N, C-alpha and C. Protein backbone atom coordinates (compact mmCIF):
# COMPACT_ATOMS: atom_id res chain seq x y z
N MET A 1 0.83 -1.08 0.00
CA MET A 1 0.01 0.03 0.21
C MET A 1 0.78 1.14 0.03
N ARG A 2 2.13 1.24 0.95
CA ARG A 2 2.76 2.55 0.91
C ARG A 2 3.45 2.81 -0.59
N ILE A 3 3.72 1.57 -1.12
CA ILE A 3 4.49 1.78 -2.41
C ILE A 3 3.65 2.22 -3.49
N GLY A 4 2.21 1.94 -3.45
CA GLY A 4 1.39 2.58 -4.31
C GLY A 4 0.96 3.82 -3.87
N VAL A 5 1.06 4.49 -2.83
CA VAL A 5 1.04 5.95 -2.58
C VAL A 5 2.03 6.71 -3.03
N ILE A 6 3.36 6.17 -2.56
CA ILE A 6 4.48 6.69 -3.09
C ILE A 6 4.68 6.94 -4.57
N ALA A 7 4.49 5.67 -5.19
CA ALA A 7 4.24 5.69 -6.77
C ALA A 7 3.37 6.85 -7.25
N MET A 8 2.20 6.85 -6.61
CA MET A 8 0.92 7.68 -7.16
C MET A 8 1.60 9.12 -6.78
N LEU A 9 2.29 9.58 -5.63
CA LEU A 9 2.53 10.80 -5.50
C LEU A 9 3.67 11.20 -6.47
N LEU A 10 4.57 10.42 -6.76
CA LEU A 10 5.55 10.43 -7.47
C LEU A 10 4.91 10.80 -8.89
N PHE A 11 4.18 10.07 -9.17
CA PHE A 11 3.55 10.34 -10.60
C PHE A 11 2.87 11.55 -10.95
N VAL A 12 2.22 12.15 -9.97
CA VAL A 12 1.54 13.48 -9.78
C VAL A 12 2.58 14.66 -9.62
N ILE A 13 3.57 14.19 -9.03
CA ILE A 13 4.64 15.42 -8.97
C ILE A 13 5.50 15.54 -10.41
N VAL A 14 5.74 14.37 -11.00
CA VAL A 14 6.39 14.41 -12.27
C VAL A 14 5.29 14.88 -13.39
N GLY A 15 4.15 14.57 -13.14
CA GLY A 15 3.27 14.77 -14.41
C GLY A 15 2.78 16.37 -14.29
N CYS A 16 2.76 16.83 -13.06
CA CYS A 16 2.62 18.36 -12.89
C CYS A 16 3.86 19.47 -12.89
N ALA A 17 4.88 18.70 -13.12
CA ALA A 17 6.16 19.71 -13.39
C ALA A 17 6.08 20.62 -14.80
N LYS A 18 6.50 21.67 -14.45
CA LYS A 18 6.51 22.62 -15.58
C LYS A 18 7.48 22.24 -16.62
N LYS A 19 6.90 22.08 -17.76
CA LYS A 19 7.85 21.90 -18.81
C LYS A 19 8.59 22.98 -19.48
N LYS A 20 9.66 23.10 -19.92
CA LYS A 20 10.51 24.27 -20.65
C LYS A 20 9.93 24.37 -22.10
N SER A 21 9.75 25.57 -22.35
CA SER A 21 9.45 25.90 -23.75
C SER A 21 10.59 25.57 -24.61
N ALA A 22 10.22 25.14 -25.71
CA ALA A 22 11.30 24.92 -26.79
C ALA A 22 11.65 26.43 -27.55
N GLN A 23 10.65 27.23 -27.31
CA GLN A 23 11.01 28.86 -27.99
C GLN A 23 12.10 29.59 -27.14
N PRO A 24 13.02 30.26 -27.90
CA PRO A 24 13.99 30.94 -26.93
C PRO A 24 13.16 32.14 -26.56
N GLU A 25 13.62 32.84 -25.53
CA GLU A 25 13.12 33.86 -24.86
C GLU A 25 13.19 35.22 -25.78
N PRO A 26 12.51 36.04 -25.86
CA PRO A 26 12.44 37.25 -26.93
C PRO A 26 13.73 38.04 -26.33
N GLU A 27 14.36 38.67 -27.18
CA GLU A 27 15.32 39.66 -26.77
C GLU A 27 14.68 40.99 -26.43
N ALA A 28 15.62 41.45 -25.47
CA ALA A 28 15.21 42.73 -24.90
C ALA A 28 15.24 43.76 -26.02
N PRO A 29 14.14 44.71 -26.02
CA PRO A 29 14.42 45.87 -27.19
C PRO A 29 15.70 46.77 -26.84
N GLN A 30 16.15 46.99 -27.95
CA GLN A 30 17.26 47.80 -27.96
C GLN A 30 16.77 49.33 -27.89
N PRO A 31 17.64 49.91 -27.08
CA PRO A 31 17.58 51.69 -26.82
C PRO A 31 17.75 52.27 -28.29
N PRO A 32 16.98 53.31 -28.39
CA PRO A 32 17.22 54.01 -29.74
C PRO A 32 18.43 54.80 -29.75
N THR A 33 19.05 54.91 -30.91
CA THR A 33 20.39 55.61 -30.95
C THR A 33 20.03 57.32 -31.48
N ALA A 34 20.87 57.91 -31.43
CA ALA A 34 20.70 59.49 -31.75
C ALA A 34 20.44 59.56 -33.04
N ALA A 35 19.54 60.54 -33.51
CA ALA A 35 19.24 60.94 -35.00
C ALA A 35 20.65 61.98 -35.17
N ILE A 36 20.81 62.07 -36.52
CA ILE A 36 21.74 63.00 -36.82
C ILE A 36 21.20 64.22 -37.76
N PRO A 37 21.43 65.35 -37.24
CA PRO A 37 20.89 66.67 -37.88
C PRO A 37 21.68 66.82 -39.16
N VAL A 38 20.62 67.05 -40.41
CA VAL A 38 21.09 67.24 -41.55
C VAL A 38 21.02 68.60 -42.14
N PHE A 39 19.74 69.06 -41.78
CA PHE A 39 19.59 70.63 -42.24
C PHE A 39 18.70 71.45 -41.30
N PRO A 40 18.88 72.46 -41.03
CA PRO A 40 20.14 73.56 -41.45
C PRO A 40 21.45 73.00 -40.55
N ASN A 41 22.50 73.34 -40.99
CA ASN A 41 23.61 73.04 -40.58
C ASN A 41 24.06 74.09 -39.25
N GLN A 42 24.60 73.42 -38.33
CA GLN A 42 24.82 74.02 -36.93
C GLN A 42 26.01 75.06 -37.27
N ASN A 43 25.68 76.30 -36.65
CA ASN A 43 26.66 77.26 -36.85
C ASN A 43 27.02 78.07 -38.19
N GLU A 44 25.95 77.83 -38.95
CA GLU A 44 25.85 78.31 -40.21
C GLU A 44 24.59 79.26 -40.39
N GLU A 45 24.77 80.32 -41.31
CA GLU A 45 23.68 80.95 -41.56
C GLU A 45 22.66 80.20 -42.54
N CYS A 46 21.34 80.16 -42.10
CA CYS A 46 20.42 79.25 -42.82
C CYS A 46 19.47 80.43 -43.73
N THR A 47 19.80 80.33 -45.04
CA THR A 47 19.11 81.41 -45.91
C THR A 47 17.85 80.50 -46.82
N THR A 48 17.78 79.22 -46.57
CA THR A 48 16.90 78.45 -47.02
C THR A 48 15.39 78.61 -46.32
N GLY A 49 14.35 78.52 -47.03
CA GLY A 49 13.27 78.62 -46.32
C GLY A 49 12.20 79.40 -46.90
N VAL A 50 10.85 79.39 -46.49
CA VAL A 50 9.78 80.04 -47.19
C VAL A 50 9.18 81.19 -46.55
N VAL A 51 9.43 82.36 -46.96
CA VAL A 51 9.25 83.65 -46.31
C VAL A 51 7.59 83.80 -46.20
N VAL A 52 7.22 83.75 -44.85
CA VAL A 52 5.71 83.64 -44.55
C VAL A 52 5.41 85.19 -44.30
N SER A 53 6.21 86.16 -43.74
CA SER A 53 5.76 87.69 -43.56
C SER A 53 7.12 88.21 -43.58
N THR A 54 7.01 89.38 -43.08
CA THR A 54 8.28 90.22 -43.09
C THR A 54 9.02 89.93 -41.56
N THR A 55 8.28 89.01 -40.85
CA THR A 55 9.03 88.90 -39.50
C THR A 55 9.22 87.34 -39.42
N GLN A 56 8.62 86.56 -40.38
CA GLN A 56 8.59 84.93 -40.21
C GLN A 56 9.14 84.33 -41.42
N THR A 57 9.75 83.24 -41.21
CA THR A 57 10.07 82.32 -42.30
C THR A 57 9.90 80.74 -41.94
N THR A 58 9.61 80.04 -42.82
CA THR A 58 9.22 78.57 -42.41
C THR A 58 10.64 77.83 -42.82
N ILE A 59 11.22 77.04 -41.98
CA ILE A 59 12.63 76.50 -42.24
C ILE A 59 12.37 74.97 -42.19
N PRO A 60 12.80 74.35 -43.39
CA PRO A 60 12.59 72.87 -43.39
C PRO A 60 13.70 72.10 -42.52
N PHE A 61 13.52 71.69 -41.36
CA PHE A 61 14.57 70.92 -40.71
C PHE A 61 14.33 69.39 -40.93
N SER A 62 15.73 68.89 -41.37
CA SER A 62 15.70 67.57 -41.53
C SER A 62 16.69 66.49 -41.04
N TRP A 63 16.67 65.41 -40.67
CA TRP A 63 17.83 64.60 -39.99
C TRP A 63 17.68 63.16 -40.32
N LYS A 64 18.63 62.38 -40.15
CA LYS A 64 18.92 61.03 -40.68
C LYS A 64 18.23 60.34 -39.17
N SER A 65 17.51 59.23 -39.42
CA SER A 65 16.88 58.58 -38.27
C SER A 65 17.83 57.74 -37.44
N GLY A 66 17.45 57.68 -36.41
CA GLY A 66 18.33 57.00 -35.22
C GLY A 66 17.79 55.48 -35.36
N ALA A 67 18.41 54.76 -35.23
CA ALA A 67 18.12 53.11 -35.08
C ALA A 67 17.05 52.97 -33.81
N ASN A 68 16.00 52.00 -34.30
CA ASN A 68 15.08 51.77 -33.16
C ASN A 68 14.24 53.15 -32.64
N ALA A 69 14.34 54.16 -33.17
CA ALA A 69 13.56 55.31 -32.99
C ALA A 69 12.16 55.56 -33.50
N GLU A 70 11.11 55.79 -32.63
CA GLU A 70 9.98 55.72 -33.13
C GLU A 70 9.35 57.15 -33.14
N SER A 71 9.90 58.05 -32.54
CA SER A 71 9.59 59.48 -32.68
C SER A 71 10.70 60.34 -32.40
N TYR A 72 10.51 61.51 -32.71
CA TYR A 72 11.73 62.62 -32.30
C TYR A 72 11.22 63.67 -31.77
N GLU A 73 12.00 64.27 -30.72
CA GLU A 73 11.56 65.61 -30.44
C GLU A 73 12.61 66.60 -30.78
N ILE A 74 12.27 67.77 -31.32
CA ILE A 74 13.20 68.60 -31.78
C ILE A 74 13.15 69.79 -30.89
N TYR A 75 14.22 70.40 -30.42
CA TYR A 75 14.54 71.61 -29.94
C TYR A 75 15.24 72.65 -30.32
N ILE A 76 14.46 73.94 -30.61
CA ILE A 76 14.80 75.04 -31.46
C ILE A 76 15.07 76.12 -30.32
N LYS A 77 16.43 76.77 -30.08
CA LYS A 77 16.47 77.63 -29.19
C LYS A 77 16.90 79.16 -29.83
N ASN A 78 16.11 80.27 -29.61
CA ASN A 78 16.54 81.34 -30.13
C ASN A 78 17.48 81.92 -29.41
N LEU A 79 18.70 82.11 -30.00
CA LEU A 79 19.81 82.82 -29.19
C LEU A 79 19.87 83.91 -28.83
N GLU A 80 18.78 84.89 -29.24
CA GLU A 80 18.99 86.28 -28.62
C GLU A 80 17.95 86.26 -27.64
N ASP A 81 16.92 85.76 -27.58
CA ASP A 81 16.10 86.11 -26.27
C ASP A 81 15.85 84.63 -25.42
N GLY A 82 16.49 83.43 -25.89
CA GLY A 82 16.52 82.19 -25.17
C GLY A 82 15.47 81.38 -25.29
N SER A 83 14.46 81.85 -26.08
CA SER A 83 13.31 81.04 -26.10
C SER A 83 13.26 79.87 -26.43
N ILE A 84 12.77 78.86 -26.19
CA ILE A 84 12.84 77.40 -26.95
C ILE A 84 11.47 77.01 -27.48
N ILE A 85 11.51 76.59 -28.80
CA ILE A 85 10.32 75.83 -29.59
C ILE A 85 10.69 74.33 -29.46
N THR A 86 9.90 73.65 -29.20
CA THR A 86 9.60 72.00 -29.15
C THR A 86 8.70 71.57 -30.13
N ALA A 87 8.82 70.36 -30.65
CA ALA A 87 7.82 69.54 -31.47
C ALA A 87 8.18 68.35 -31.55
N THR A 88 7.27 67.49 -31.60
CA THR A 88 7.46 65.85 -31.61
C THR A 88 6.79 65.40 -33.11
N THR A 89 7.54 64.47 -33.69
CA THR A 89 7.19 64.19 -34.93
C THR A 89 7.69 62.54 -35.03
N THR A 90 7.02 61.77 -35.80
CA THR A 90 7.47 60.43 -36.26
C THR A 90 8.23 60.27 -37.52
N LYS A 91 8.32 61.64 -38.14
CA LYS A 91 9.15 61.60 -39.41
C LYS A 91 10.46 62.11 -39.22
N THR A 92 11.14 62.11 -40.23
CA THR A 92 12.63 62.74 -40.24
C THR A 92 12.88 63.98 -40.70
N ASN A 93 11.88 64.89 -40.84
CA ASN A 93 11.75 66.33 -41.34
C ASN A 93 10.39 67.02 -40.74
N LEU A 94 10.69 68.34 -40.70
CA LEU A 94 9.62 69.15 -40.06
C LEU A 94 9.98 70.56 -40.24
N ASP A 95 8.74 71.07 -40.85
CA ASP A 95 8.81 72.54 -41.13
C ASP A 95 8.36 73.27 -40.05
N ILE A 96 9.35 74.18 -39.56
CA ILE A 96 9.01 75.07 -38.40
C ILE A 96 9.18 76.73 -38.86
N THR A 97 7.93 77.42 -38.41
CA THR A 97 8.19 78.78 -38.54
C THR A 97 8.87 79.68 -37.39
N LEU A 98 9.84 80.32 -37.99
CA LEU A 98 10.85 81.04 -36.80
C LEU A 98 10.69 82.52 -37.22
N LYS A 99 11.10 83.37 -36.32
CA LYS A 99 11.47 84.58 -36.54
C LYS A 99 12.52 84.94 -37.41
N ARG A 100 12.37 85.75 -38.54
CA ARG A 100 13.42 86.08 -39.40
C ARG A 100 14.41 86.75 -38.88
N ASN A 101 15.79 86.78 -39.43
CA ASN A 101 16.97 87.31 -39.09
C ASN A 101 17.17 87.08 -37.58
N SER A 102 17.01 86.00 -36.95
CA SER A 102 17.39 85.77 -35.74
C SER A 102 18.11 84.47 -35.60
N PRO A 103 19.45 84.33 -34.88
CA PRO A 103 20.12 83.13 -34.79
C PRO A 103 19.50 82.04 -33.84
N TYR A 104 19.43 80.82 -34.30
CA TYR A 104 19.16 79.68 -33.57
C TYR A 104 19.83 78.49 -33.42
N SER A 105 19.70 77.87 -32.43
CA SER A 105 20.58 76.54 -32.30
C SER A 105 19.48 75.50 -32.26
N TRP A 106 19.79 74.22 -32.86
CA TRP A 106 18.73 73.16 -32.46
C TRP A 106 19.32 71.76 -32.38
N TYR A 107 18.68 70.99 -31.77
CA TYR A 107 19.22 69.55 -31.57
C TYR A 107 17.81 68.53 -31.42
N LEU A 108 18.16 67.23 -31.41
CA LEU A 108 16.99 66.37 -31.27
C LEU A 108 17.27 65.33 -30.13
N LEU A 109 16.07 64.70 -29.63
CA LEU A 109 16.19 63.73 -28.68
C LEU A 109 15.39 62.76 -29.10
């Protein structure tokens, strides 16, 4: 009788043991790499754009995509008054309207 109970318990324990999956575990997602600014060039005068008014011009910003990036945040700083314009997009280009004849710097996250 004892052997039967022990055999039954052993059968239940072995039968209920978790089986390992034959599929490999999915890889962790890789962090995105930085996008590379293309236009306008840093520290150069930007003369390209569409004049909107006597005080504003629309500038076409563009960059090379970063690996594993789903969206981009662009930061544009007016170097005269320190104000910052931000925008988010899933594209690798964006038209931004800025004050004419003002120096700016920009970067992406």
